[in-house]
PDB file of N, CA and C in Angstrom:
ATOM      1  N   MET A   1     -23.209  42.168  70.647  1.00  0.00           N
ATOM      2  CA  MET A   1     -21.927  42.635  70.146  1.00  0.00           C
ATOM      3  C   MET A   1     -21.413  43.735  71.081  1.00  0.00           C
ATOM      4  N   THR A   2     -20.153  43.639  71.444  1.00  0.00           N
ATOM      5  CA  THR A   2     -19.542  44.603  72.345  1.00  0.00           C
ATOM      6  C   THR A   2     -18.594  45.501  71.571  1.00  0.00           C
ATOM      7  N   TYR A   3     -18.818  46.797  71.645  1.00  0.00           N
ATOM      8  CA  TYR A   3     -17.913  47.739  71.010  1.00  0.00           C
ATOM      9  C   TYR A   3     -16.929  48.254  72.044  1.00  0.00           C
ATOM     10  N   GLY A   4     -15.822  48.827  71.602  1.00  0.00           N
ATOM     11  CA  GLY A   4     -14.838  49.356  72.520  1.00  0.00           C
ATOM     12  C   GLY A   4     -13.629  48.454  72.660  1.00  0.00           C
ATOM     13  N   LYS A   5     -13.732  47.209  72.212  1.00  0.00           N
ATOM     14  CA  LYS A   5     -12.582  46.312  72.245  1.00  0.00           C
ATOM     15  C   LYS A   5     -11.918  46.309  70.872  1.00  0.00           C
ATOM     16  N   ASP A   6     -10.679  45.851  70.833  1.00  0.00           N
ATOM     17  CA  ASP A   6      -9.989  45.738  69.545  1.00  0.00           C
ATOM     18  C   ASP A   6     -10.681  44.684  68.691  1.00  0.00           C
ATOM     19  N   ARG A   7     -10.825  44.983  67.418  1.00  0.00           N
ATOM     20  CA  ARG A   7     -11.435  44.024  66.506  1.00  0.00           C
ATOM     21  C   ARG A   7     -10.965  44.293  65.083  1.00  0.00           C
ATOM     22  N   VAL A   8     -11.192  43.332  64.190  1.00  0.00           N
ATOM     23  CA  VAL A   8     -10.769  43.424  62.795  1.00  0.00           C
ATOM     24  C   VAL A   8     -11.945  43.028  61.915  1.00  0.00           C
ATOM     25  N   TYR A   9     -12.140  43.775  60.830  1.00  0.00           N
ATOM     26  CA  TYR A   9     -13.225  43.504  59.897  1.00  0.00           C
ATOM     27  C   TYR A   9     -12.681  43.169  58.516  1.00  0.00           C
ATOM     28  N   LYS A  10     -13.455  42.442  57.755  1.00  0.00           N
ATOM     29  CA  LYS A  10     -13.181  42.153  56.349  1.00  0.00           C
ATOM     30  C   LYS A  10     -14.288  42.805  55.536  1.00  0.00           C
ATOM     31  N   LYS A  11     -13.914  43.521  54.454  1.00  0.00           N
ATOM     32  CA  LYS A  11     -14.912  44.131  53.572  1.00  0.00           C
ATOM     33  C   LYS A  11     -14.974  43.345  52.264  1.00  0.00           C
ATOM     34  N   VAL A  12     -16.193  43.156  51.781  1.00  0.00           N
ATOM     35  CA  VAL A  12     -16.439  42.454  50.528  1.00  0.00           C
ATOM     36  C   VAL A  12     -17.270  43.364  49.641  1.00  0.00           C
ATOM     37  N   GLU A  13     -16.901  43.452  48.378  1.00  0.00           N
ATOM     38  CA  GLU A  13     -17.603  44.313  47.436  1.00  0.00           C
ATOM     39  C   GLU A  13     -18.731  43.539  46.757  1.00  0.00           C
ATOM     40  N   VAL A  14     -19.918  44.141  46.715  1.00  0.00           N
ATOM     41  CA  VAL A  14     -21.079  43.546  46.055  1.00  0.00           C
ATOM     42  C   VAL A  14     -21.819  44.629  45.268  1.00  0.00           C
ATOM     43  N   ILE A  15     -22.621  44.196  44.315  1.00  0.00           N
ATOM     44  CA  ILE A  15     -23.423  45.124  43.508  1.00  0.00           C
ATOM     45  C   ILE A  15     -24.876  44.698  43.601  1.00  0.00           C
ATOM     46  N   GLY A  16     -25.735  45.620  44.021  1.00  0.00           N
ATOM     47  CA  GLY A  16     -27.170  45.377  44.067  1.00  0.00           C
ATOM     48  C   GLY A  16     -27.849  46.075  42.907  1.00  0.00           C
ATOM     49  N   VAL A  17     -28.870  45.436  42.372  1.00  0.00           N
ATOM     50  CA  VAL A  17     -29.597  45.982  41.221  1.00  0.00           C
ATOM     51  C   VAL A  17     -31.089  45.966  41.521  1.00  0.00           C
ATOM     52  N   SER A  18     -31.763  47.060  41.171  1.00  0.00           N
ATOM     53  CA  SER A  18     -33.215  47.150  41.344  1.00  0.00           C
ATOM     54  C   SER A  18     -33.802  48.017  40.241  1.00  0.00           C
ATOM     55  N   ARG A  19     -34.986  47.676  39.824  1.00  0.00           N
ATOM     56  CA  ARG A  19     -35.712  48.524  38.874  1.00  0.00           C
ATOM     57  C   ARG A  19     -36.466  49.643  39.585  1.00  0.00           C
ATOM     58  N   ASP A  20     -36.592  49.538  40.922  1.00  0.00           N
ATOM     59  CA  ASP A  20     -37.442  50.465  41.660  1.00  0.00           C
ATOM     60  C   ASP A  20     -36.702  51.651  42.271  1.00  0.00           C
ATOM     61  N   THR A  21     -35.760  51.388  43.198  1.00  0.00           N
ATOM     62  CA  THR A  21     -35.093  52.471  43.917  1.00  0.00           C
ATOM     63  C   THR A  21     -33.657  52.102  44.263  1.00  0.00           C
ATOM     64  N   ILE A  22     -32.887  53.116  44.613  1.00  0.00           N
ATOM     65  CA  ILE A  22     -31.528  52.897  45.097  1.00  0.00           C
ATOM     66  C   ILE A  22     -31.572  52.088  46.390  1.00  0.00           C
ATOM     67  N   GLU A  23     -32.508  52.423  47.269  1.00  0.00           N
ATOM     68  CA  GLU A  23     -32.632  51.702  48.533  1.00  0.00           C
ATOM     69  C   GLU A  23     -32.913  50.220  48.309  1.00  0.00           C
ATOM     70  N   ASN A  24     -33.745  49.900  47.342  1.00  0.00           N
ATOM     71  CA  ASN A  24     -34.025  48.495  47.039  1.00  0.00           C
ATOM     72  C   ASN A  24     -32.788  47.792  46.498  1.00  0.00           C
ATOM     73  N   ALA A  25     -31.977  48.499  45.732  1.00  0.00           N
ATOM     74  CA  ALA A  25     -30.733  47.911  45.225  1.00  0.00           C
ATOM     75  C   ALA A  25     -29.770  47.621  46.371  1.00  0.00           C
ATOM     76  N   VAL A  26     -29.676  48.549  47.325  1.00  0.00           N
ATOM     77  CA  VAL A  26     -28.837  48.321  48.512  1.00  0.00           C
ATOM     78  C   VAL A  26     -29.357  47.120  49.286  1.00  0.00           C
ATOM     79  N   GLN A  27     -30.658  47.076  49.528  1.00  0.00           N
ATOM     80  CA  GLN A  27     -31.235  45.973  50.296  1.00  0.00           C
ATOM     81  C   GLN A  27     -31.031  44.639  49.599  1.00  0.00           C
ATOM     82  N   ALA A  28     -31.142  44.613  48.278  1.00  0.00           N
ATOM     83  CA  ALA A  28     -30.920  43.372  47.533  1.00  0.00           C
ATOM     84  C   ALA A  28     -29.498  42.864  47.742  1.00  0.00           C
ATOM     85  N   ALA A  29     -28.524  43.769  47.680  1.00  0.00           N
ATOM     86  CA  ALA A  29     -27.124  43.381  47.870  1.00  0.00           C
ATOM     87  C   ALA A  29     -26.878  42.897  49.291  1.00  0.00           C
ATOM     88  N   VAL A  30     -27.394  43.620  50.280  1.00  0.00           N
ATOM     89  CA  VAL A  30     -27.192  43.245  51.681  1.00  0.00           C
ATOM     90  C   VAL A  30     -27.889  41.909  51.981  1.00  0.00           C
ATOM     91  N   SER A  31     -29.097  41.731  51.487  1.00  0.00           N
ATOM     92  CA  SER A  31     -29.832  40.492  51.740  1.00  0.00           C
ATOM     93  C   SER A  31     -29.113  39.283  51.168  1.00  0.00           C
ATOM     94  N   LYS A  32     -28.620  39.406  49.952  1.00  0.00           N
ATOM     95  CA  LYS A  32     -27.903  38.283  49.333  1.00  0.00           C
ATOM     96  C   LYS A  32     -26.590  38.010  50.058  1.00  0.00           C
ATOM     97  N   ALA A  33     -25.864  39.055  50.426  1.00  0.00           N
ATOM     98  CA  ALA A  33     -24.608  38.877  51.164  1.00  0.00           C
ATOM     99  C   ALA A  33     -24.879  38.210  52.511  1.00  0.00           C
ATOM    100  N   HIS A  34     -25.984  38.584  53.143  1.00  0.00           N
ATOM    101  CA  HIS A  34     -26.352  38.014  54.447  1.00  0.00           C
ATOM    102  C   HIS A  34     -26.573  36.502  54.369  1.00  0.00           C
ATOM    103  N   GLN A  35     -27.003  36.020  53.197  1.00  0.00           N
ATOM    104  CA  GLN A  35     -27.252  34.585  53.019  1.00  0.00           C
ATOM    105  C   GLN A  35     -25.950  33.780  53.008  1.00  0.00           C
ATOM    106  N   THR A  36     -24.832  34.410  52.631  1.00  0.00           N
ATOM    107  CA  THR A  36     -23.589  33.653  52.475  1.00  0.00           C
ATOM    108  C   THR A  36     -22.465  34.098  53.406  1.00  0.00           C
ATOM    109  N   LEU A  37     -22.565  35.279  53.980  1.00  0.00           N
ATOM    110  CA  LEU A  37     -21.525  35.781  54.884  1.00  0.00           C
ATOM    111  C   LEU A  37     -22.078  35.853  56.293  1.00  0.00           C
ATOM    112  N   LYS A  38     -21.332  35.352  57.239  1.00  0.00           N
ATOM    113  CA  LYS A  38     -21.794  35.295  58.622  1.00  0.00           C
ATOM    114  C   LYS A  38     -21.419  36.573  59.366  1.00  0.00           C
ATOM    115  N   GLY A  39     -22.370  37.133  60.105  1.00  0.00           N
ATOM    116  CA  GLY A  39     -22.087  38.242  60.998  1.00  0.00           C
ATOM    117  C   GLY A  39     -21.871  39.581  60.329  1.00  0.00           C
ATOM    118  N   LEU A  40     -22.638  39.884  59.289  1.00  0.00           N
ATOM    119  CA  LEU A  40     -22.503  41.206  58.664  1.00  0.00           C
ATOM    120  C   LEU A  40     -22.756  42.288  59.701  1.00  0.00           C
ATOM    121  N   SER A  41     -21.954  43.345  59.609  1.00  0.00           N
ATOM    122  CA  SER A  41     -22.026  44.388  60.618  1.00  0.00           C
ATOM    123  C   SER A  41     -22.428  45.742  60.048  1.00  0.00           C
ATOM    124  N   TRP A  42     -21.923  46.086  58.866  1.00  0.00           N
ATOM    125  CA  TRP A  42     -22.223  47.395  58.292  1.00  0.00           C
ATOM    126  C   TRP A  42     -21.962  47.366  56.790  1.00  0.00           C
ATOM    127  N   PHE A  43     -22.394  48.434  56.116  1.00  0.00           N
ATOM    128  CA  PHE A  43     -22.145  48.571  54.678  1.00  0.00           C
ATOM    129  C   PHE A  43     -21.791  50.009  54.375  1.00  0.00           C
ATOM    130  N   GLU A  44     -21.156  50.212  53.225  1.00  0.00           N
ATOM    131  CA  GLU A  44     -20.875  51.557  52.722  1.00  0.00           C
ATOM    132  C   GLU A  44     -21.129  51.566  51.219  1.00  0.00           C
ATOM    133  N   VAL A  45     -21.790  52.606  50.734  1.00  0.00           N
ATOM    134  CA  VAL A  45     -22.079  52.745  49.312  1.00  0.00           C
ATOM    135  C   VAL A  45     -20.908  53.470  48.661  1.00  0.00           C
ATOM    136  N   ASP A  46     -20.341  52.849  47.627  1.00  0.00           N
ATOM    137  CA  ASP A  46     -19.218  53.444  46.908  1.00  0.00           C
ATOM    138  C   ASP A  46     -19.657  54.185  45.649  1.00  0.00           C
ATOM    139  N   GLU A  47     -20.542  53.561  44.887  1.00  0.00           N
ATOM    140  CA  GLU A  47     -20.958  54.150  43.606  1.00  0.00           C
ATOM    141  C   GLU A  47     -22.424  53.845  43.350  1.00  0.00           C
ATOM    142  N   VAL A  48     -23.075  54.740  42.632  1.00  0.00           N
ATOM    143  CA  VAL A  48     -24.443  54.513  42.170  1.00  0.00           C
ATOM    144  C   VAL A  48     -24.451  54.727  40.664  1.00  0.00           C
ATOM    145  N   HIS A  49     -24.971  53.744  39.951  1.00  0.00           N
ATOM    146  CA  HIS A  49     -25.098  53.823  38.497  1.00  0.00           C
ATOM    147  C   HIS A  49     -26.531  53.484  38.134  1.00  0.00           C
ATOM    148  N   GLY A  50     -26.870  53.669  36.891  1.00  0.00           N
ATOM    149  CA  GLY A  50     -28.206  53.299  36.461  1.00  0.00           C
ATOM    150  C   GLY A  50     -28.307  53.224  34.959  1.00  0.00           C
ATOM    151  N   HIS A  51     -29.461  52.814  34.526  1.00  0.00           N
ATOM    152  CA  HIS A  51     -29.742  52.718  33.097  1.00  0.00           C
ATOM    153  C   HIS A  51     -30.865  53.688  32.752  1.00  0.00           C
ATOM    154  N   ILE A  52     -30.707  54.386  31.642  1.00  0.00           N
ATOM    155  CA  ILE A  52     -31.711  55.342  31.149  1.00  0.00           C
ATOM    156  C   ILE A  52     -32.238  54.816  29.825  1.00  0.00           C
ATOM    157  N   ASP A  53     -33.566  54.757  29.690  1.00  0.00           N
ATOM    158  CA  ASP A  53     -34.133  54.259  28.433  1.00  0.00           C
ATOM    159  C   ASP A  53     -34.235  55.372  27.388  1.00  0.00           C
ATOM    160  N   ALA A  54     -34.755  55.029  26.233  1.00  0.00           N
ATOM    161  CA  ALA A  54     -34.842  55.961  25.105  1.00  0.00           C
ATOM    162  C   ALA A  54     -35.750  57.150  25.395  1.00  0.00           C
ATOM    163  N   ASP A  55     -36.666  57.009  26.365  1.00  0.00           N
ATOM    164  CA  ASP A  55     -37.571  58.094  26.740  1.00  0.00           C
ATOM    165  C   ASP A  55     -37.000  58.980  27.845  1.00  0.00           C
ATOM    166  N   GLY A  56     -35.762  58.684  28.275  1.00  0.00           N
ATOM    167  CA  GLY A  56     -35.135  59.480  29.315  1.00  0.00           C
ATOM    168  C   GLY A  56     -35.555  59.100  30.724  1.00  0.00           C
ATOM    169  N   LYS A  57     -36.117  57.915  30.889  1.00  0.00           N
ATOM    170  CA  LYS A  57     -36.538  57.454  32.209  1.00  0.00           C
ATOM    171  C   LYS A  57     -35.516  56.470  32.784  1.00  0.00           C
ATOM    172  N   VAL A  58     -35.313  56.568  34.089  1.00  0.00           N
ATOM    173  CA  VAL A  58     -34.435  55.624  34.765  1.00  0.00           C
ATOM    174  C   VAL A  58     -35.167  54.290  34.862  1.00  0.00           C
ATOM    175  N   THR A  59     -34.533  53.242  34.346  1.00  0.00           N
ATOM    176  CA  THR A  59     -35.170  51.922  34.342  1.00  0.00           C
ATOM    177  C   THR A  59     -34.469  50.922  35.256  1.00  0.00           C
ATOM    178  N   GLU A  60     -33.289  51.284  35.778  1.00  0.00           N
ATOM    179  CA  GLU A  60     -32.570  50.371  36.653  1.00  0.00           C
ATOM    180  C   GLU A  60     -31.561  51.142  37.493  1.00  0.00           C
ATOM    181  N   TYR A  61     -31.444  50.741  38.746  1.00  0.00           N
ATOM    182  CA  TYR A  61     -30.443  51.313  39.653  1.00  0.00           C
ATOM    183  C   TYR A  61     -29.421  50.227  39.974  1.00  0.00           C
ATOM    184  N   GLN A  62     -28.147  50.589  39.898  1.00  0.00           N
ATOM    185  CA  GLN A  62     -27.058  49.676  40.212  1.00  0.00           C
ATOM    186  C   GLN A  62     -26.205  50.338  41.291  1.00  0.00           C
ATOM    187  N   VAL A  63     -26.061  49.664  42.420  1.00  0.00           N
ATOM    188  CA  VAL A  63     -25.345  50.237  43.553  1.00  0.00           C
ATOM    189  C   VAL A  63     -24.158  49.345  43.906  1.00  0.00           C
ATOM    190  N   LEU A  64     -22.970  49.922  43.849  1.00  0.00           N
ATOM    191  CA  LEU A  64     -21.757  49.225  44.262  1.00  0.00           C
ATOM    192  C   LEU A  64     -21.529  49.542  45.729  1.00  0.00           C
ATOM    193  N   LEU A  65     -21.506  48.508  46.556  1.00  0.00           N
ATOM    194  CA  LEU A  65     -21.290  48.748  47.976  1.00  0.00           C
ATOM    195  C   LEU A  65     -20.367  47.694  48.555  1.00  0.00           C
ATOM    196  N   LYS A  66     -19.865  48.010  49.724  1.00  0.00           N
ATOM    197  CA  LYS A  66     -19.035  47.069  50.471  1.00  0.00           C
ATOM    198  C   LYS A  66     -19.782  46.716  51.742  1.00  0.00           C
ATOM    199  N   VAL A  67     -19.798  45.427  52.043  1.00  0.00           N
ATOM    200  CA  VAL A  67     -20.360  44.955  53.300  1.00  0.00           C
ATOM    201  C   VAL A  67     -19.196  44.445  54.146  1.00  0.00           C
ATOM    202  N   ALA A  68     -19.334  44.561  55.457  1.00  0.00           N
ATOM    203  CA  ALA A  68     -18.240  44.159  56.332  1.00  0.00           C
ATOM    204  C   ALA A  68     -18.720  43.216  57.421  1.00  0.00           C
ATOM    205  N   PHE A  69     -17.836  42.325  57.799  1.00  0.00           N
ATOM    206  CA  PHE A  69     -18.100  41.418  58.908  1.00  0.00           C
ATOM    207  C   PHE A  69     -16.841  41.304  59.754  1.00  0.00           C
ATOM    208  N   GLU A  70     -17.053  41.031  61.025  1.00  0.00           N
ATOM    209  CA  GLU A  70     -15.921  40.938  61.944  1.00  0.00           C
ATOM    210  C   GLU A  70     -15.229  39.588  61.800  1.00  0.00           C
ATOM    211  N   LEU A  71     -13.907  39.610  61.728  1.00  0.00           N
ATOM    212  CA  LEU A  71     -13.127  38.373  61.710  1.00  0.00           C
ATOM    213  C   LEU A  71     -12.976  37.889  63.140  1.00  0.00           C
ATOM    214  N   LYS A  72     -13.309  36.645  63.339  1.00  0.00           N
ATOM    215  CA  LYS A  72     -13.269  36.033  64.673  1.00  0.00           C
ATOM    216  C   LYS A  72     -12.031  35.156  64.802  1.00  0.00           C
ATOM    217  N   ASP A  73     -11.672  34.852  66.041  1.00  0.00           N
ATOM    218  CA  ASP A  73     -10.537  33.964  66.307  1.00  0.00           C
ATOM    219  C   ASP A  73     -10.818  32.555  65.847  1.00  0.00           C
TER     220      ASP A  73
END
């Protein structure tokens, strides 16, 4: 990939979910997007949410992120 030239990207919003960590939720979203979108280039995290159980423990992480890919001719 060559940087420095004019280019255009498309961003797609996805949500990753993990019971373990925020990082795992991000990776889940990126991995699934990679299976269906060609040429992913970068991501940005917009929001982090989660679920808290009755004992006050975090039981799930939900990460809203955007992944981007370059639009080709």
